[in-house]
Amino acid sequence: MYGPGMMGGGMPVGGLIWMLIIGALVVVPFWRLLPRFGIPSWVSILAIFPLVALILLWVMAFRDKLGGEGRL
């Protein structure tokens, strides 16, 4: 009754692969940048959630104003 990709069919494997690729494209840059701003690298894993990624970008943008090292 339902085909793949419809409500009852679940996610096709291709969609899962694309989600992993997009997740890696978001996490890897954060993984490299966050230690420069004094934030642990493991926090970058949380960047797969869009709101967390936006908050991290704001923190990185205004880190020198918040009392961070201000390198870069």
PDB file of N, CA and C in Angstrom:
ATOM      1  N   MET A   1       0.818  -1.182   0.000  1.00  0.00           N
ATOM      2  CA  MET A   1       0.000   0.000   0.000  1.00  0.00           C
ATOM      3  C   MET A   1       0.868   1.255   0.000  1.00  0.00           C
ATOM      4  N   TYR A   2       1.890   1.285   0.848  1.00  0.00           N
ATOM      5  CA  TYR A   2       2.802   2.420   0.881  1.00  0.00           C
ATOM      6  C   TYR A   2       4.092   2.038   0.178  1.00  0.00           C
ATOM      7  N   GLY A   3       4.628   2.957  -0.576  1.00  0.00           N
ATOM      8  CA  GLY A   3       5.909   2.722  -1.232  1.00  0.00           C
ATOM      9  C   GLY A   3       7.048   3.230  -0.353  1.00  0.00           C
ATOM     10  N   PRO A   4       8.275   2.936  -0.744  1.00  0.00           N
ATOM     11  CA  PRO A   4       9.399   3.436   0.040  1.00  0.00           C
ATOM     12  C   PRO A   4       9.433   4.958   0.022  1.00  0.00           C
ATOM     13  N   GLY A   5       9.691   5.534   1.177  1.00  0.00           N
ATOM     14  CA  GLY A   5       9.734   6.980   1.286  1.00  0.00           C
ATOM     15  C   GLY A   5       8.406   7.577   1.689  1.00  0.00           C
ATOM     16  N   MET A   6       7.337   6.778   1.693  1.00  0.00           N
ATOM     17  CA  MET A   6       6.056   7.287   2.144  1.00  0.00           C
ATOM     18  C   MET A   6       5.929   7.031   3.636  1.00  0.00           C
ATOM     19  N   MET A   7       4.850   7.438   4.232  1.00  0.00           N
ATOM     20  CA  MET A   7       4.721   7.405   5.684  1.00  0.00           C
ATOM     21  C   MET A   7       4.939   6.015   6.273  1.00  0.00           C
ATOM     22  N   GLY A   8       4.463   4.994   5.679  1.00  0.00           N
ATOM     23  CA  GLY A   8       4.594   3.668   6.255  1.00  0.00           C
ATOM     24  C   GLY A   8       5.811   2.905   5.771  1.00  0.00           C
ATOM     25  N   GLY A   9       6.523   3.426   4.773  1.00  0.00           N
ATOM     26  CA  GLY A   9       7.608   2.687   4.162  1.00  0.00           C
ATOM     27  C   GLY A   9       8.961   2.863   4.805  1.00  0.00           C
ATOM     28  N   GLY A  10       9.131   3.820   5.697  1.00  0.00           N
ATOM     29  CA  GLY A  10      10.433   4.065   6.298  1.00  0.00           C
ATOM     30  C   GLY A  10      11.324   4.883   5.380  1.00  0.00           C
ATOM     31  N   MET A  11      12.545   5.105   5.833  1.00  0.00           N
ATOM     32  CA  MET A  11      13.490   5.909   5.064  1.00  0.00           C
ATOM     33  C   MET A  11      14.299   5.013   4.145  1.00  0.00           C
ATOM     34  N   PRO A  12      14.388   5.362   2.889  1.00  0.00           N
ATOM     35  CA  PRO A  12      15.236   4.584   1.998  1.00  0.00           C
ATOM     36  C   PRO A  12      16.708   4.714   2.403  1.00  0.00           C
ATOM     37  N   VAL A  13      17.498   3.738   2.040  1.00  0.00           N
ATOM     38  CA  VAL A  13      18.907   3.715   2.424  1.00  0.00           C
ATOM     39  C   VAL A  13      19.638   4.931   1.857  1.00  0.00           C
ATOM     40  N   GLY A  14      19.291   5.358   0.674  1.00  0.00           N
ATOM     41  CA  GLY A  14      19.924   6.527   0.071  1.00  0.00           C
ATOM     42  C   GLY A  14      19.734   7.781   0.913  1.00  0.00           C
ATOM     43  N   GLY A  15      18.570   7.930   1.521  1.00  0.00           N
ATOM     44  CA  GLY A  15      18.307   9.081   2.386  1.00  0.00           C
ATOM     45  C   GLY A  15      19.170   9.051   3.629  1.00  0.00           C
ATOM     46  N   LEU A  16      19.395   7.869   4.180  1.00  0.00           N
ATOM     47  CA  LEU A  16      20.242   7.735   5.356  1.00  0.00           C
ATOM     48  C   LEU A  16      21.688   8.085   5.027  1.00  0.00           C
ATOM     49  N   ILE A  17      22.139   7.655   3.865  1.00  0.00           N
ATOM     50  CA  ILE A  17      23.507   7.973   3.446  1.00  0.00           C
ATOM     51  C   ILE A  17      23.676   9.475   3.278  1.00  0.00           C
ATOM     52  N   TRP A  18      22.693  10.149   2.672  1.00  0.00           N
ATOM     53  CA  TRP A  18      22.777  11.598   2.509  1.00  0.00           C
ATOM     54  C   TRP A  18      22.763  12.304   3.852  1.00  0.00           C
ATOM     55  N   MET A  19      21.983  11.815   4.800  1.00  0.00           N
ATOM     56  CA  MET A  19      21.964  12.429   6.133  1.00  0.00           C
ATOM     57  C   MET A  19      23.321  12.296   6.810  1.00  0.00           C
ATOM     58  N   LEU A  20      23.994  11.144   6.639  1.00  0.00           N
ATOM     59  CA  LEU A  20      25.324  10.962   7.218  1.00  0.00           C
ATOM     60  C   LEU A  20      26.343  11.886   6.553  1.00  0.00           C
ATOM     61  N   ILE A  21      26.238  12.054   5.244  1.00  0.00           N
ATOM     62  CA  ILE A  21      27.160  12.942   4.531  1.00  0.00           C
ATOM     63  C   ILE A  21      26.969  14.384   4.982  1.00  0.00           C
ATOM     64  N   ILE A  22      25.732  14.830   5.058  1.00  0.00           N
ATOM     65  CA  ILE A  22      25.448  16.203   5.499  1.00  0.00           C
ATOM     66  C   ILE A  22      25.902  16.391   6.941  1.00  0.00           C
ATOM     67  N   GLY A  23      25.665  15.399   7.793  1.00  0.00           N
ATOM     68  CA  GLY A  23      26.123  15.484   9.182  1.00  0.00           C
ATOM     69  C   GLY A  23      27.626  15.616   9.279  1.00  0.00           C
ATOM     70  N   ALA A  24      28.357  14.862   8.464  1.00  0.00           N
ATOM     71  CA  ALA A  24      29.820  14.952   8.471  1.00  0.00           C
ATOM     72  C   ALA A  24      30.284  16.311   7.965  1.00  0.00           C
ATOM     73  N   LEU A  25      29.599  16.842   6.961  1.00  0.00           N
ATOM     74  CA  LEU A  25      29.968  18.152   6.435  1.00  0.00           C
ATOM     75  C   LEU A  25      29.730  19.272   7.450  1.00  0.00           C
ATOM     76  N   VAL A  26      28.861  19.050   8.402  1.00  0.00           N
ATOM     77  CA  VAL A  26      28.621  20.045   9.447  1.00  0.00           C
ATOM     78  C   VAL A  26      29.565  19.836  10.624  1.00  0.00           C
ATOM     79  N   VAL A  27      29.764  18.597  11.044  1.00  0.00           N
ATOM     80  CA  VAL A  27      30.529  18.307  12.252  1.00  0.00           C
ATOM     81  C   VAL A  27      32.027  18.547  12.064  1.00  0.00           C
ATOM     82  N   VAL A  28      32.593  18.156  10.942  1.00  0.00           N
ATOM     83  CA  VAL A  28      34.047  18.245  10.752  1.00  0.00           C
ATOM     84  C   VAL A  28      34.569  19.685  10.868  1.00  0.00           C
ATOM     85  N   PRO A  29      33.959  20.681  10.224  1.00  0.00           N
ATOM     86  CA  PRO A  29      34.473  22.047  10.416  1.00  0.00           C
ATOM     87  C   PRO A  29      34.367  22.523  11.859  1.00  0.00           C
ATOM     88  N   PHE A  30      33.263  22.207  12.530  1.00  0.00           N
ATOM     89  CA  PHE A  30      33.136  22.583  13.937  1.00  0.00           C
ATOM     90  C   PHE A  30      34.199  21.881  14.772  1.00  0.00           C
ATOM     91  N   TRP A  31      34.497  20.619  14.457  1.00  0.00           N
ATOM     92  CA  TRP A  31      35.499  19.841  15.191  1.00  0.00           C
ATOM     93  C   TRP A  31      36.867  20.519  15.115  1.00  0.00           C
ATOM     94  N   ARG A  32      37.175  21.099  13.953  1.00  0.00           N
ATOM     95  CA  ARG A  32      38.471  21.758  13.765  1.00  0.00           C
ATOM     96  C   ARG A  32      38.482  23.169  14.360  1.00  0.00           C
ATOM     97  N   LEU A  33      37.349  23.870  14.344  1.00  0.00           N
ATOM     98  CA  LEU A  33      37.324  25.266  14.774  1.00  0.00           C
ATOM     99  C   LEU A  33      37.107  25.466  16.270  1.00  0.00           C
ATOM    100  N   LEU A  34      36.298  24.647  16.887  1.00  0.00           N
ATOM    101  CA  LEU A  34      35.934  24.891  18.287  1.00  0.00           C
ATOM    102  C   LEU A  34      37.126  24.945  19.246  1.00  0.00           C
ATOM    103  N   PRO A  35      38.139  24.084  19.125  1.00  0.00           N
ATOM    104  CA  PRO A  35      39.279  24.205  20.051  1.00  0.00           C
ATOM    105  C   PRO A  35      39.998  25.549  19.969  1.00  0.00           C
ATOM    106  N   ARG A  36      39.963  26.208  18.824  1.00  0.00           N
ATOM    107  CA  ARG A  36      40.573  27.533  18.689  1.00  0.00           C
ATOM    108  C   ARG A  36      39.859  28.581  19.522  1.00  0.00           C
ATOM    109  N   PHE A  37      38.606  28.308  19.859  1.00  0.00           N
ATOM    110  CA  PHE A  37      37.814  29.238  20.652  1.00  0.00           C
ATOM    111  C   PHE A  37      37.677  28.780  22.096  1.00  0.00           C
ATOM    112  N   GLY A  38      38.456  27.773  22.481  1.00  0.00           N
ATOM    113  CA  GLY A  38      38.443  27.300  23.859  1.00  0.00           C
ATOM    114  C   GLY A  38      37.270  26.402  24.200  1.00  0.00           C
ATOM    115  N   ILE A  39      36.637  25.820  23.200  1.00  0.00           N
ATOM    116  CA  ILE A  39      35.488  24.935  23.408  1.00  0.00           C
ATOM    117  C   ILE A  39      35.943  23.521  23.047  1.00  0.00           C
ATOM    118  N   PRO A  40      35.612  22.514  23.863  1.00  0.00           N
ATOM    119  CA  PRO A  40      36.046  21.142  23.558  1.00  0.00           C
ATOM    120  C   PRO A  40      35.516  20.650  22.208  1.00  0.00           C
ATOM    121  N   SER A  41      36.310  19.825  21.538  1.00  0.00           N
ATOM    122  CA  SER A  41      35.947  19.320  20.207  1.00  0.00           C
ATOM    123  C   SER A  41      34.669  18.491  20.215  1.00  0.00           C
ATOM    124  N   TRP A  42      34.430  17.738  21.297  1.00  0.00           N
ATOM    125  CA  TRP A  42      33.275  16.850  21.324  1.00  0.00           C
ATOM    126  C   TRP A  42      31.956  17.609  21.228  1.00  0.00           C
ATOM    127  N   VAL A  43      31.949  18.891  21.523  1.00  0.00           N
ATOM    128  CA  VAL A  43      30.721  19.691  21.426  1.00  0.00           C
ATOM    129  C   VAL A  43      30.259  19.780  19.969  1.00  0.00           C
ATOM    130  N   SER A  44      31.184  19.596  19.030  1.00  0.00           N
ATOM    131  CA  SER A  44      30.825  19.687  17.621  1.00  0.00           C
ATOM    132  C   SER A  44      29.820  18.624  17.208  1.00  0.00           C
ATOM    133  N   ILE A  45      29.779  17.513  17.926  1.00  0.00           N
ATOM    134  CA  ILE A  45      28.800  16.467  17.605  1.00  0.00           C
ATOM    135  C   ILE A  45      27.380  16.997  17.784  1.00  0.00           C
ATOM    136  N   LEU A  46      27.207  17.917  18.718  1.00  0.00           N
ATOM    137  CA  LEU A  46      25.880  18.501  18.943  1.00  0.00           C
ATOM    138  C   LEU A  46      25.463  19.435  17.810  1.00  0.00           C
ATOM    139  N   ALA A  47      26.412  19.803  16.957  1.00  0.00           N
ATOM    140  CA  ALA A  47      26.114  20.728  15.858  1.00  0.00           C
ATOM    141  C   ALA A  47      25.248  20.092  14.777  1.00  0.00           C
ATOM    142  N   ILE A  48      24.967  18.805  14.868  1.00  0.00           N
ATOM    143  CA  ILE A  48      24.062  18.202  13.884  1.00  0.00           C
ATOM    144  C   ILE A  48      22.639  18.720  14.064  1.00  0.00           C
ATOM    145  N   PHE A  49      22.376  19.311  15.238  1.00  0.00           N
ATOM    146  CA  PHE A  49      21.080  19.953  15.467  1.00  0.00           C
ATOM    147  C   PHE A  49      21.204  21.414  15.045  1.00  0.00           C
ATOM    148  N   PRO A  50      20.355  21.879  14.146  1.00  0.00           N
ATOM    149  CA  PRO A  50      20.519  23.224  13.588  1.00  0.00           C
ATOM    150  C   PRO A  50      20.546  24.340  14.628  1.00  0.00           C
ATOM    151  N   LEU A  51      19.729  24.274  15.645  1.00  0.00           N
ATOM    152  CA  LEU A  51      19.709  25.344  16.651  1.00  0.00           C
ATOM    153  C   LEU A  51      21.030  25.384  17.419  1.00  0.00           C
ATOM    154  N   VAL A  52      21.587  24.227  17.742  1.00  0.00           N
ATOM    155  CA  VAL A  52      22.869  24.166  18.437  1.00  0.00           C
ATOM    156  C   VAL A  52      23.971  24.717  17.543  1.00  0.00           C
ATOM    157  N   ALA A  53      23.946  24.392  16.257  1.00  0.00           N
ATOM    158  CA  ALA A  53      24.949  24.908  15.329  1.00  0.00           C
ATOM    159  C   ALA A  53      24.881  26.427  15.252  1.00  0.00           C
ATOM    160  N   LEU A  54      23.683  26.973  15.231  1.00  0.00           N
ATOM    161  CA  LEU A  54      23.518  28.419  15.195  1.00  0.00           C
ATOM    162  C   LEU A  54      24.058  29.062  16.475  1.00  0.00           C
ATOM    163  N   ILE A  55      23.781  28.456  17.615  1.00  0.00           N
ATOM    164  CA  ILE A  55      24.293  28.975  18.886  1.00  0.00           C
ATOM    165  C   ILE A  55      25.820  28.918  18.911  1.00  0.00           C
ATOM    166  N   LEU A  56      26.395  27.820  18.434  1.00  0.00           N
ATOM    167  CA  LEU A  56      27.856  27.707  18.389  1.00  0.00           C
ATOM    168  C   LEU A  56      28.469  28.766  17.478  1.00  0.00           C
ATOM    169  N   LEU A  57      27.828  29.040  16.360  1.00  0.00           N
ATOM    170  CA  LEU A  57      28.331  30.082  15.470  1.00  0.00           C
ATOM    171  C   LEU A  57      28.325  31.444  16.158  1.00  0.00           C
ATOM    172  N   TRP A  58      27.269  31.734  16.917  1.00  0.00           N
ATOM    173  CA  TRP A  58      27.203  32.998  17.647  1.00  0.00           C
ATOM    174  C   TRP A  58      28.270  33.065  18.728  1.00  0.00           C
ATOM    175  N   VAL A  59      28.477  31.959  19.429  1.00  0.00           N
ATOM    176  CA  VAL A  59      29.503  31.935  20.464  1.00  0.00           C
ATOM    177  C   VAL A  59      30.875  32.168  19.854  1.00  0.00           C
ATOM    178  N   MET A  60      31.146  31.527  18.725  1.00  0.00           N
ATOM    179  CA  MET A  60      32.440  31.698  18.076  1.00  0.00           C
ATOM    180  C   MET A  60      32.602  33.124  17.540  1.00  0.00           C
ATOM    181  N   ALA A  61      31.545  33.707  17.043  1.00  0.00           N
ATOM    182  CA  ALA A  61      31.635  35.050  16.471  1.00  0.00           C
ATOM    183  C   ALA A  61      31.921  36.105  17.532  1.00  0.00           C
ATOM    184  N   PHE A  62      31.375  35.922  18.721  1.00  0.00           N
ATOM    185  CA  PHE A  62      31.513  36.937  19.763  1.00  0.00           C
ATOM    186  C   PHE A  62      32.368  36.472  20.926  1.00  0.00           C
ATOM    187  N   ARG A  63      33.211  35.473  20.708  1.00  0.00           N
ATOM    188  CA  ARG A  63      34.020  34.909  21.786  1.00  0.00           C
ATOM    189  C   ARG A  63      34.953  35.951  22.407  1.00  0.00           C
ATOM    190  N   ASP A  64      35.562  36.798  21.621  1.00  0.00           N
ATOM    191  CA  ASP A  64      36.466  37.785  22.190  1.00  0.00           C
ATOM    192  C   ASP A  64      35.727  38.781  23.070  1.00  0.00           C
ATOM    193  N   LYS A  65      34.464  39.041  22.778  1.00  0.00           N
ATOM    194  CA  LYS A  65      33.674  39.957  23.587  1.00  0.00           C
ATOM    195  C   LYS A  65      33.188  39.295  24.880  1.00  0.00           C
ATOM    196  N   LEU A  66      33.156  37.943  24.893  1.00  0.00           N
ATOM    197  CA  LEU A  66      32.707  37.211  26.082  1.00  0.00           C
ATOM    198  C   LEU A  66      33.865  36.872  27.019  1.00  0.00           C
ATOM    199  N   GLY A  67      35.053  37.317  26.711  1.00  0.00           N
ATOM    200  CA  GLY A  67      36.198  37.042  27.576  1.00  0.00           C
ATOM    201  C   GLY A  67      37.046  35.889  27.116  1.00  0.00           C
ATOM    202  N   GLY A  68      36.867  35.450  25.876  1.00  0.00           N
ATOM    203  CA  GLY A  68      37.700  34.375  25.342  1.00  0.00           C
ATOM    204  C   GLY A  68      39.060  34.905  24.941  1.00  0.00           C
ATOM    205  N   GLU A  69      39.865  34.035  24.374  1.00  0.00           N
ATOM    206  CA  GLU A  69      41.227  34.428  24.012  1.00  0.00           C
ATOM    207  C   GLU A  69      41.239  35.418  22.862  1.00  0.00           C
ATOM    208  N   GLY A  70      40.305  35.315  21.957  1.00  0.00           N
ATOM    209  CA  GLY A  70      40.247  36.247  20.840  1.00  0.00           C
ATOM    210  C   GLY A  70      41.272  35.973  19.761  1.00  0.00           C
ATOM    211  N   ARG A  71      41.785  34.749  19.689  1.00  0.00           N
ATOM    212  CA  ARG A  71      42.743  34.404  18.641  1.00  0.00           C
ATOM    213  C   ARG A  71      42.047  34.405  17.288  1.00  0.00           C
ATOM    214  N   LEU A  72      42.771  34.402  16.260  1.00  0.00           N
ATOM    215  CA  LEU A  72      42.331  34.407  14.857  1.00  0.00           C
ATOM    216  C   LEU A  72      42.306  35.776  14.357  1.00  0.00           C
TER     217      LEU A  72
END
